[in-house]
PDB file of N, CA and C in Angstrom:
ATOM      1  N   MET A   1      85.884 167.727 266.520  1.00  0.00           N
ATOM      2  CA  MET A   1      85.523 166.954 266.083  1.00  0.00           C
ATOM      3  C   MET A   1      85.517 165.731 264.690  1.00  0.00           C
ATOM      4  N   VAL A   2      86.280 164.985 264.507  1.00  0.00           N
ATOM      5  CA  VAL A   2      86.645 164.315 263.789  1.00  0.00           C
ATOM      6  C   VAL A   2      85.769 163.383 262.947  1.00  0.00           C
ATOM      7  N   ALA A   3      85.000 163.333 261.730  1.00  0.00           N
ATOM      8  CA  ALA A   3      84.045 162.515 261.832  1.00  0.00           C
ATOM      9  C   ALA A   3      84.075 161.572 260.521  1.00  0.00           C
ATOM     10  N   ALA A   4      83.612 160.488 259.822  1.00  0.00           N
ATOM     11  CA  ALA A   4      84.436 159.361 258.758  1.00  0.00           C
ATOM     12  C   ALA A   4      83.197 158.817 258.416  1.00  0.00           C
ATOM     13  N   PRO A   5      83.281 158.184 258.092  1.00  0.00           N
ATOM     14  CA  PRO A   5      82.310 157.289 257.186  1.00  0.00           C
ATOM     15  C   PRO A   5      82.989 155.426 257.308  1.00  0.00           C
ATOM     16  N   ALA A   6      82.038 154.540 257.976  1.00  0.00           N
ATOM     17  CA  ALA A   6      82.175 153.990 258.516  1.00  0.00           C
ATOM     18  C   ALA A   6      81.044 152.549 258.131  1.00  0.00           C
ATOM     19  N   ALA A   7      81.778 151.071 258.211  1.00  0.00           N
ATOM     20  CA  ALA A   7      80.691 150.548 257.832  1.00  0.00           C
ATOM     21  C   ALA A   7      79.311 151.072 258.123  1.00  0.00           C
ATOM     22  N   ARG A   8      79.066 151.296 259.373  1.00  0.00           N
ATOM     23  CA  ARG A   8      78.095 150.308 259.978  1.00  0.00           C
ATOM     24  C   ARG A   8      77.658 152.490 260.775  1.00  0.00           C
ATOM     25  N   GLY A   9      77.806 153.647 260.195  1.00  0.00           N
ATOM     26  CA  GLY A   9      77.214 154.557 260.064  1.00  0.00           C
ATOM     27  C   GLY A   9      78.519 155.344 260.178  1.00  0.00           C
ATOM     28  N   THR A  10      78.424 156.433 261.145  1.00  0.00           N
ATOM     29  CA  THR A  10      79.680 158.164 261.592  1.00  0.00           C
ATOM     30  C   THR A  10      80.572 157.368 262.213  1.00  0.00           C
ATOM     31  N   VAL A  11      82.158 157.825 262.283  1.00  0.00           N
ATOM     32  CA  VAL A  11      83.128 157.262 263.504  1.00  0.00           C
ATOM     33  C   VAL A  11      83.323 158.412 263.989  1.00  0.00           C
ATOM     34  N   GLU A  12      83.447 159.473 265.091  1.00  0.00           N
ATOM     35  CA  GLU A  12      83.542 160.179 265.361  1.00  0.00           C
ATOM     36  C   GLU A  12      84.552 159.688 266.648  1.00  0.00           C
ATOM     37  N   ARG A  13      85.259 160.798 266.516  1.00  0.00           N
ATOM     38  CA  ARG A  13      87.217 160.613 267.000  1.00  0.00           C
ATOM     39  C   ARG A  13      87.236 162.162 268.752  1.00  0.00           C
ATOM     40  N   LEU A  14      87.281 161.189 270.088  1.00  0.00           N
ATOM     41  CA  LEU A  14      86.834 161.865 271.188  1.00  0.00           C
ATOM     42  C   LEU A  14      88.793 162.116 271.493  1.00  0.00           C
ATOM     43  N   ASP A  15      89.501 162.625 271.496  1.00  0.00           N
ATOM     44  CA  ASP A  15      90.737 162.884 272.239  1.00  0.00           C
ATOM     45  C   ASP A  15      90.627 163.327 274.136  1.00  0.00           C
ATOM     46  N   ASN A  16      90.180 162.117 275.058  1.00  0.00           N
ATOM     47  CA  ASN A  16      90.189 162.739 276.750  1.00  0.00           C
ATOM     48  C   ASN A  16      92.365 162.933 277.067  1.00  0.00           C
ATOM     49  N   ARG A  17      93.187 162.668 276.583  1.00  0.00           N
ATOM     50  CA  ARG A  17      94.467 162.091 277.233  1.00  0.00           C
ATOM     51  C   ARG A  17      94.044 163.440 277.708  1.00  0.00           C
ATOM     52  N   ALA A  18      94.120 164.441 277.934  1.00  0.00           N
ATOM     53  CA  ALA A  18      94.601 165.697 278.337  1.00  0.00           C
ATOM     54  C   ALA A  18      93.666 166.299 280.055  1.00  0.00           C
ATOM     55  N   THR A  19      92.253 164.919 280.043  1.00  0.00           N
ATOM     56  CA  THR A  19      91.466 165.062 281.011  1.00  0.00           C
ATOM     57  C   THR A  19      91.092 164.538 282.009  1.00  0.00           C
ATOM     58  N   PRO A  20      91.240 164.851 282.983  1.00  0.00           N
ATOM     59  CA  PRO A  20      90.872 164.067 284.245  1.00  0.00           C
ATOM     60  C   PRO A  20      90.005 162.908 284.442  1.00  0.00           C
ATOM     61  N   CYS A  21      90.405 162.087 285.057  1.00  0.00           N
ATOM     62  CA  CYS A  21      89.475 160.423 284.863  1.00  0.00           C
ATOM     63  C   CYS A  21      88.044 160.137 284.982  1.00  0.00           C
ATOM     64  N   ALA A  22      87.258 160.904 285.922  1.00  0.00           N
ATOM     65  CA  ALA A  22      85.359 160.981 285.820  1.00  0.00           C
ATOM     66  C   ALA A  22      85.413 162.344 284.940  1.00  0.00           C
ATOM     67  N   LEU A  23      86.053 163.378 284.465  1.00  0.00           N
ATOM     68  CA  LEU A  23      85.681 163.975 283.142  1.00  0.00           C
ATOM     69  C   LEU A  23      85.535 163.553 282.680  1.00  0.00           C
ATOM     70  N   GLY A  24      86.872 162.717 282.105  1.00  0.00           N
ATOM     71  CA  GLY A  24      86.784 161.801 281.044  1.00  0.00           C
ATOM     72  C   GLY A  24      85.424 160.964 280.920  1.00  0.00           C
ATOM     73  N   LEU A  25      84.866 160.236 281.605  1.00  0.00           N
ATOM     74  CA  LEU A  25      83.523 159.527 280.903  1.00  0.00           C
ATOM     75  C   LEU A  25      82.636 160.182 281.186  1.00  0.00           C
ATOM     76  N   LEU A  26      82.694 161.673 281.871  1.00  0.00           N
ATOM     77  CA  LEU A  26      81.711 162.446 282.062  1.00  0.00           C
ATOM     78  C   LEU A  26      80.822 163.023 279.857  1.00  0.00           C
ATOM     79  N   ARG A  27      82.287 162.919 279.615  1.00  0.00           N
ATOM     80  CA  ARG A  27      82.248 163.100 278.163  1.00  0.00           C
ATOM     81  C   ARG A  27      82.484 162.580 277.260  1.00  0.00           C
ATOM     82  N   VAL A  28      82.566 160.973 277.369  1.00  0.00           N
ATOM     83  CA  VAL A  28      81.819 160.142 276.584  1.00  0.00           C
ATOM     84  C   VAL A  28      80.467 160.047 276.666  1.00  0.00           C
ATOM     85  N   GLN A  29      79.825 160.229 277.293  1.00  0.00           N
ATOM     86  CA  GLN A  29      78.465 160.070 277.834  1.00  0.00           C
ATOM     87  C   GLN A  29      78.087 161.294 276.925  1.00  0.00           C
ATOM     88  N   GLU A  30      78.042 162.695 277.175  1.00  0.00           N
ATOM     89  CA  GLU A  30      77.799 163.639 276.677  1.00  0.00           C
ATOM     90  C   GLU A  30      78.141 163.744 274.675  1.00  0.00           C
ATOM     91  N   ARG A  31      78.776 163.274 274.652  1.00  0.00           N
ATOM     92  CA  ARG A  31      79.163 162.625 273.410  1.00  0.00           C
ATOM     93  C   ARG A  31      78.364 161.827 272.657  1.00  0.00           C
ATOM     94  N   LEU A  32      78.192 160.808 273.493  1.00  0.00           N
ATOM     95  CA  LEU A  32      77.053 159.937 272.696  1.00  0.00           C
ATOM     96  C   LEU A  32      75.688 160.225 272.950  1.00  0.00           C
ATOM     97  N   ALA A  33      75.594 161.192 273.750  1.00  0.00           N
ATOM     98  CA  ALA A  33      74.268 161.120 273.644  1.00  0.00           C
ATOM     99  C   ALA A  33      73.254 162.172 272.811  1.00  0.00           C
ATOM    100  N   ALA A  34      74.886 163.002 272.086  1.00  0.00           N
ATOM    101  CA  ALA A  34      74.729 163.770 270.896  1.00  0.00           C
ATOM    102  C   ALA A  34      74.468 163.080 269.701  1.00  0.00           C
ATOM    103  N   MET A  35      75.178 161.614 269.708  1.00  0.00           N
ATOM    104  CA  MET A  35      74.949 161.233 268.792  1.00  0.00           C
ATOM    105  C   MET A  35      73.979 160.271 268.214  1.00  0.00           C
ATOM    106  N   PRO A  36      73.921 159.498 266.965  1.00  0.00           N
ATOM    107  CA  PRO A  36      72.642 158.809 266.644  1.00  0.00           C
ATOM    108  C   PRO A  36      73.249 157.673 266.119  1.00  0.00           C
ATOM    109  N   VAL A  37      72.214 156.856 267.482  1.00  0.00           N
ATOM    110  CA  VAL A  37      72.041 155.534 267.360  1.00  0.00           C
ATOM    111  C   VAL A  37      73.231 155.019 265.916  1.00  0.00           C
ATOM    112  N   GLY A  38      73.678 153.949 266.634  1.00  0.00           N
ATOM    113  CA  GLY A  38      74.686 153.323 265.521  1.00  0.00           C
ATOM    114  C   GLY A  38      75.445 153.418 264.972  1.00  0.00           C
ATOM    115  N   ALA A  39      75.420 154.697 265.100  1.00  0.00           N
ATOM    116  CA  ALA A  39      77.183 155.414 265.292  1.00  0.00           C
ATOM    117  C   ALA A  39      78.521 155.092 265.726  1.00  0.00           C
ATOM    118  N   THR A  40      79.577 154.937 265.726  1.00  0.00           N
ATOM    119  CA  THR A  40      80.099 155.048 266.565  1.00  0.00           C
ATOM    120  C   THR A  40      81.695 156.893 267.436  1.00  0.00           C
ATOM    121  N   LEU A  41      81.922 156.054 268.330  1.00  0.00           N
ATOM    122  CA  LEU A  41      82.755 157.507 269.055  1.00  0.00           C
ATOM    123  C   LEU A  41      84.410 156.137 269.512  1.00  0.00           C
ATOM    124  N   GLU A  42      85.307 156.704 268.892  1.00  0.00           N
ATOM    125  CA  GLU A  42      86.380 156.296 269.308  1.00  0.00           C
ATOM    126  C   GLU A  42      87.428 157.734 270.331  1.00  0.00           C
ATOM    127  N   VAL A  43      87.313 156.823 271.707  1.00  0.00           N
ATOM    128  CA  VAL A  43      87.927 157.493 272.456  1.00  0.00           C
ATOM    129  C   VAL A  43      89.290 157.224 272.967  1.00  0.00           C
ATOM    130  N   VAL A  44      90.319 157.788 272.872  1.00  0.00           N
ATOM    131  CA  VAL A  44      91.797 158.224 273.579  1.00  0.00           C
ATOM    132  C   VAL A  44      91.876 158.471 274.617  1.00  0.00           C
ATOM    133  N   THR A  45      92.424 158.146 275.329  1.00  0.00           N
ATOM    134  CA  THR A  45      92.693 158.038 276.963  1.00  0.00           C
ATOM    135  C   THR A  45      94.296 157.769 277.247  1.00  0.00           C
ATOM    136  N   ARG A  46      94.811 158.418 278.520  1.00  0.00           N
ATOM    137  CA  ARG A  46      95.623 158.307 279.508  1.00  0.00           C
ATOM    138  C   ARG A  46      95.589 157.275 280.473  1.00  0.00           C
ATOM    139  N   ASP A  47      93.623 157.681 281.193  1.00  0.00           N
ATOM    140  CA  ASP A  47      93.612 157.139 282.428  1.00  0.00           C
ATOM    141  C   ASP A  47      94.148 155.734 282.614  1.00  0.00           C
ATOM    142  N   ARG A  48      94.800 155.732 283.813  1.00  0.00           N
ATOM    143  CA  ARG A  48      95.342 153.871 283.958  1.00  0.00           C
ATOM    144  C   ARG A  48      93.820 153.018 284.646  1.00  0.00           C
ATOM    145  N   PHE A  49      93.532 153.344 284.580  1.00  0.00           N
ATOM    146  CA  PHE A  49      91.955 153.400 285.511  1.00  0.00           C
ATOM    147  C   PHE A  49      90.919 153.117 283.830  1.00  0.00           C
ATOM    148  N   ALA A  50      90.947 153.682 282.950  1.00  0.00           N
ATOM    149  CA  ALA A  50      90.029 153.820 282.032  1.00  0.00           C
ATOM    150  C   ALA A  50      89.684 151.703 281.661  1.00  0.00           C
ATOM    151  N   PRO A  51      91.364 151.441 280.533  1.00  0.00           N
ATOM    152  CA  PRO A  51      90.512 150.115 280.263  1.00  0.00           C
ATOM    153  C   PRO A  51      89.691 149.397 281.600  1.00  0.00           C
ATOM    154  N   TYR A  52      90.101 149.091 282.131  1.00  0.00           N
ATOM    155  CA  TYR A  52      88.711 148.832 283.116  1.00  0.00           C
ATOM    156  C   TYR A  52      87.504 149.326 283.342  1.00  0.00           C
ATOM    157  N   GLU A  53      87.044 150.367 283.989  1.00  0.00           N
ATOM    158  CA  GLU A  53      85.771 151.503 284.214  1.00  0.00           C
ATOM    159  C   GLU A  53      84.819 151.344 283.129  1.00  0.00           C
ATOM    160  N   VAL A  54      85.400 151.588 281.346  1.00  0.00           N
ATOM    161  CA  VAL A  54      85.275 152.503 280.114  1.00  0.00           C
ATOM    162  C   VAL A  54      84.536 150.889 280.230  1.00  0.00           C
ATOM    163  N   PRO A  55      84.888 149.524 280.017  1.00  0.00           N
ATOM    164  CA  PRO A  55      83.949 148.137 279.077  1.00  0.00           C
ATOM    165  C   PRO A  55      82.930 148.397 280.491  1.00  0.00           C
ATOM    166  N   ALA A  56      83.442 148.645 281.554  1.00  0.00           N
ATOM    167  CA  ALA A  56      82.109 148.048 282.710  1.00  0.00           C
ATOM    168  C   ALA A  56      80.820 148.787 282.457  1.00  0.00           C
ATOM    169  N   TRP A  57      81.557 150.483 281.994  1.00  0.00           N
ATOM    170  CA  TRP A  57      80.963 151.383 282.155  1.00  0.00           C
ATOM    171  C   TRP A  57      79.552 151.338 280.292  1.00  0.00           C
ATOM    172  N   VAL A  58      80.133 150.798 279.559  1.00  0.00           N
ATOM    173  CA  VAL A  58      79.704 150.558 278.724  1.00  0.00           C
ATOM    174  C   VAL A  58      78.657 149.495 278.486  1.00  0.00           C
ATOM    175  N   GLU A  59      79.152 147.747 278.979  1.00  0.00           N
ATOM    176  CA  GLU A  59      78.455 147.369 278.840  1.00  0.00           C
ATOM    177  C   GLU A  59      76.922 147.270 280.218  1.00  0.00           C
ATOM    178  N   ARG A  60      76.714 147.991 281.389  1.00  0.00           N
ATOM    179  CA  ARG A  60      75.775 148.987 281.934  1.00  0.00           C
ATOM    180  C   ARG A  60      75.106 149.863 281.537  1.00  0.00           C
ATOM    181  N   ALA A  61      75.810 150.181 280.085  1.00  0.00           N
ATOM    182  CA  ALA A  61      74.588 151.158 279.119  1.00  0.00           C
ATOM    183  C   ALA A  61      73.891 150.592 278.011  1.00  0.00           C
ATOM    184  N   GLY A  62      74.333 149.147 277.714  1.00  0.00           N
ATOM    185  CA  GLY A  62      74.047 148.724 276.893  1.00  0.00           C
ATOM    186  C   GLY A  62      74.114 148.668 275.413  1.00  0.00           C
ATOM    187  N   LEU A  63      75.145 149.411 275.773  1.00  0.00           N
ATOM    188  CA  LEU A  63      76.184 149.666 274.523  1.00  0.00           C
ATOM    189  C   LEU A  63      77.505 149.071 273.973  1.00  0.00           C
ATOM    190  N   GLU A  64      78.114 149.160 272.548  1.00  0.00           N
ATOM    191  CA  GLU A  64      79.252 147.941 272.214  1.00  0.00           C
ATOM    192  C   GLU A  64      80.579 148.439 272.405  1.00  0.00           C
ATOM    193  N   LEU A  65      80.951 148.460 272.548  1.00  0.00           N
ATOM    194  CA  LEU A  65      82.793 147.861 272.770  1.00  0.00           C
ATOM    195  C   LEU A  65      82.724 147.184 271.712  1.00  0.00           C
ATOM    196  N   THR A  66      83.791 147.771 270.270  1.00  0.00           N
ATOM    197  CA  THR A  66      84.071 147.087 269.005  1.00  0.00           C
ATOM    198  C   THR A  66      85.468 146.791 269.379  1.00  0.00           C
ATOM    199  N   ALA A  67      86.754 148.313 269.986  1.00  0.00           N
ATOM    200  CA  ALA A  67      87.752 148.038 270.093  1.00  0.00           C
ATOM    201  C   ALA A  67      87.967 148.694 271.640  1.00  0.00           C
ATOM    202  N   LEU A  68      88.951 147.917 271.834  1.00  0.00           N
ATOM    203  CA  LEU A  68      90.533 148.361 272.930  1.00  0.00           C
ATOM    204  C   LEU A  68      91.755 147.811 272.270  1.00  0.00           C
ATOM    205  N   GLU A  69      92.512 149.094 271.931  1.00  0.00           N
ATOM    206  CA  GLU A  69      93.997 148.750 271.831  1.00  0.00           C
ATOM    207  C   GLU A  69      94.821 149.744 273.097  1.00  0.00           C
ATOM    208  N   LYS A  70      95.917 149.421 273.355  1.00  0.00           N
ATOM    209  CA  LYS A  70      96.658 149.848 274.035  1.00  0.00           C
ATOM    210  C   LYS A  70      97.888 150.213 273.765  1.00  0.00           C
ATOM    211  N   ARG A  71      98.706 151.430 273.886  1.00  0.00           N
ATOM    212  CA  ARG A  71      99.090 151.852 272.891  1.00  0.00           C
ATOM    213  C   ARG A  71     100.660 153.320 273.546  1.00  0.00           C
ATOM    214  N   GLY A  72     101.710 152.545 273.573  1.00  0.00           N
ATOM    215  CA  GLY A  72     102.918 153.246 273.353  1.00  0.00           C
ATOM    216  C   GLY A  72     103.515 152.507 275.533  1.00  0.00           C
ATOM    217  N   PHE A  73     104.234 152.616 276.267  1.00  0.00           N
ATOM    218  CA  PHE A  73     104.567 152.090 277.635  1.00  0.00           C
ATOM    219  C   PHE A  73     104.186 153.184 279.019  1.00  0.00           C
ATOM    220  N   TRP A  74     103.777 152.737 279.738  1.00  0.00           N
ATOM    221  CA  TRP A  74     104.020 153.437 281.025  1.00  0.00           C
ATOM    222  C   TRP A  74     103.472 154.646 280.790  1.00  0.00           C
ATOM    223  N   LEU A  75     104.272 155.831 281.454  1.00  0.00           N
ATOM    224  CA  LEU A  75     103.823 156.711 280.899  1.00  0.00           C
ATOM    225  C   LEU A  75     103.423 157.520 280.293  1.00  0.00           C
ATOM    226  N   PHE A  76     103.927 157.683 278.498  1.00  0.00           N
ATOM    227  CA  PHE A  76     103.907 157.895 277.439  1.00  0.00           C
ATOM    228  C   PHE A  76     102.068 156.639 276.552  1.00  0.00           C
ATOM    229  N   GLY A  77     101.914 155.658 277.232  1.00  0.00           N
ATOM    230  CA  GLY A  77     100.701 155.221 276.919  1.00  0.00           C
ATOM    231  C   GLY A  77      99.551 155.612 276.437  1.00  0.00           C
ATOM    232  N   SER A  78      98.718 154.713 276.122  1.00  0.00           N
ATOM    233  CA  SER A  78      96.788 155.515 275.790  1.00  0.00           C
ATOM    234  C   SER A  78      96.530 154.652 275.296  1.00  0.00           C
ATOM    235  N   THR A  79      95.227 154.525 275.735  1.00  0.00           N
ATOM    236  CA  THR A  79      94.862 153.301 275.123  1.00  0.00           C
ATOM    237  C   THR A  79      92.661 153.817 274.441  1.00  0.00           C
ATOM    238  N   MET A  80      92.485 153.398 273.667  1.00  0.00           N
ATOM    239  CA  MET A  80      91.853 153.945 272.456  1.00  0.00           C
ATOM    240  C   MET A  80      90.678 152.761 272.644  1.00  0.00           C
ATOM    241  N   PHE A  81      89.950 153.147 272.197  1.00  0.00           N
ATOM    242  CA  PHE A  81      87.875 152.362 272.575  1.00  0.00           C
ATOM    243  C   PHE A  81      87.302 152.673 271.745  1.00  0.00           C
ATOM    244  N   ARG A  82      86.859 151.552 270.956  1.00  0.00           N
ATOM    245  CA  ARG A  82      85.622 151.900 269.714  1.00  0.00           C
ATOM    246  C   ARG A  82      84.505 151.660 270.867  1.00  0.00           C
ATOM    247  N   ILE A  83      83.131 152.807 270.792  1.00  0.00           N
ATOM    248  CA  ILE A  83      81.691 152.176 271.657  1.00  0.00           C
ATOM    249  C   ILE A  83      81.196 152.196 270.283  1.00  0.00           C
ATOM    250  N   ARG A  84      80.517 151.374 269.759  1.00  0.00           N
ATOM    251  CA  ARG A  84      79.615 151.469 269.474  1.00  0.00           C
ATOM    252  C   ARG A  84      77.843 152.120 269.944  1.00  0.00           C
ATOM    253  N   LYS A  85      77.286 152.647 269.285  1.00  0.00           N
ATOM    254  CA  LYS A  85      75.682 153.259 270.011  1.00  0.00           C
ATOM    255  C   LYS A  85      74.754 152.271 269.707  1.00  0.00           C
ATOM    256  N   THR A  86      74.165 151.150 270.127  1.00  0.00           N
ATOM    257  CA  THR A  86      73.262 150.150 269.846  1.00  0.00           C
ATOM    258  C   THR A  86      72.232 150.768 271.073  1.00  0.00           C
ATOM    259  N   THR A  87      72.106 152.177 271.873  1.00  0.00           N
ATOM    260  CA  THR A  87      70.191 152.404 272.281  1.00  0.00           C
ATOM    261  C   THR A  87      70.525 153.922 273.155  1.00  0.00           C
ATOM    262  N   GLU A  88      70.014 154.338 273.219  1.00  0.00           N
ATOM    263  CA  GLU A  88      70.107 156.053 273.391  1.00  0.00           C
ATOM    264  C   GLU A  88      71.040 156.374 274.921  1.00  0.00           C
ATOM    265  N   VAL A  89      71.389 156.617 275.030  1.00  0.00           N
ATOM    266  CA  VAL A  89      72.183 157.571 275.919  1.00  0.00           C
ATOM    267  C   VAL A  89      72.215 158.443 276.217  1.00  0.00           C
ATOM    268  N   ARG A  90      71.777 159.413 277.940  1.00  0.00           N
ATOM    269  CA  ARG A  90      71.182 160.070 278.331  1.00  0.00           C
ATOM    270  C   ARG A  90      72.158 161.369 278.800  1.00  0.00           C
ATOM    271  N   ALA A  91      72.156 162.458 278.167  1.00  0.00           N
ATOM    272  CA  ALA A  91      73.334 163.410 278.565  1.00  0.00           C
ATOM    273  C   ALA A  91      73.603 163.212 279.963  1.00  0.00           C
ATOM    274  N   PRO A  92      75.409 163.522 280.900  1.00  0.00           N
ATOM    275  CA  PRO A  92      75.247 163.514 281.897  1.00  0.00           C
ATOM    276  C   PRO A  92      73.901 164.897 282.864  1.00  0.00           C
ATOM    277  N   ARG A  93      73.527 164.745 283.938  1.00  0.00           N
ATOM    278  CA  ARG A  93      73.558 165.576 284.242  1.00  0.00           C
ATOM    279  C   ARG A  93      74.160 167.038 284.637  1.00  0.00           C
ATOM    280  N   ARG A  94      74.258 168.333 284.787  1.00  0.00           N
ATOM    281  CA  ARG A  94      75.036 169.399 284.255  1.00  0.00           C
ATOM    282  C   ARG A  94      74.084 169.844 286.349  1.00  0.00           C
ATOM    283  N   ALA A  95      75.082 170.590 286.768  1.00  0.00           N
ATOM    284  CA  ALA A  95      75.050 171.025 288.092  1.00  0.00           C
ATOM    285  C   ALA A  95      74.181 172.757 288.460  1.00  0.00           C
ATOM    286  N   ALA A  96      72.860 172.828 288.931  1.00  0.00           N
ATOM    287  CA  ALA A  96      72.542 174.046 289.362  1.00  0.00           C
ATOM    288  C   ALA A  96      73.672 174.813 289.797  1.00  0.00           C
ATOM    289  N   GLY A  97      73.289 176.178 289.063  1.00  0.00           N
ATOM    290  CA  GLY A  97      74.253 176.791 289.585  1.00  0.00           C
ATOM    291  C   GLY A  97      75.258 178.166 288.750  1.00  0.00           C
TER     292      GLY A  97
END
């Protein structure tokens, strides 16, 4: 985890490039739940559906998407999101067992 100062709080980075799509969004939710309101999470992923799923989830959760940037191309491409935590986020439920 890398934290850097920003104008509106801290910025943490989450590298989801090797994470399967469904698990990637759970990792984002878990990280945001642990962060203070006002902080920003920068997420990098290779999931090809993330440019559609992440903005929809951010809107439903009442958060703010401050950046969406596609880098590279096709198989070597990734997408970077910056999500500002504007409200509390619940951590995902863990399976019993």
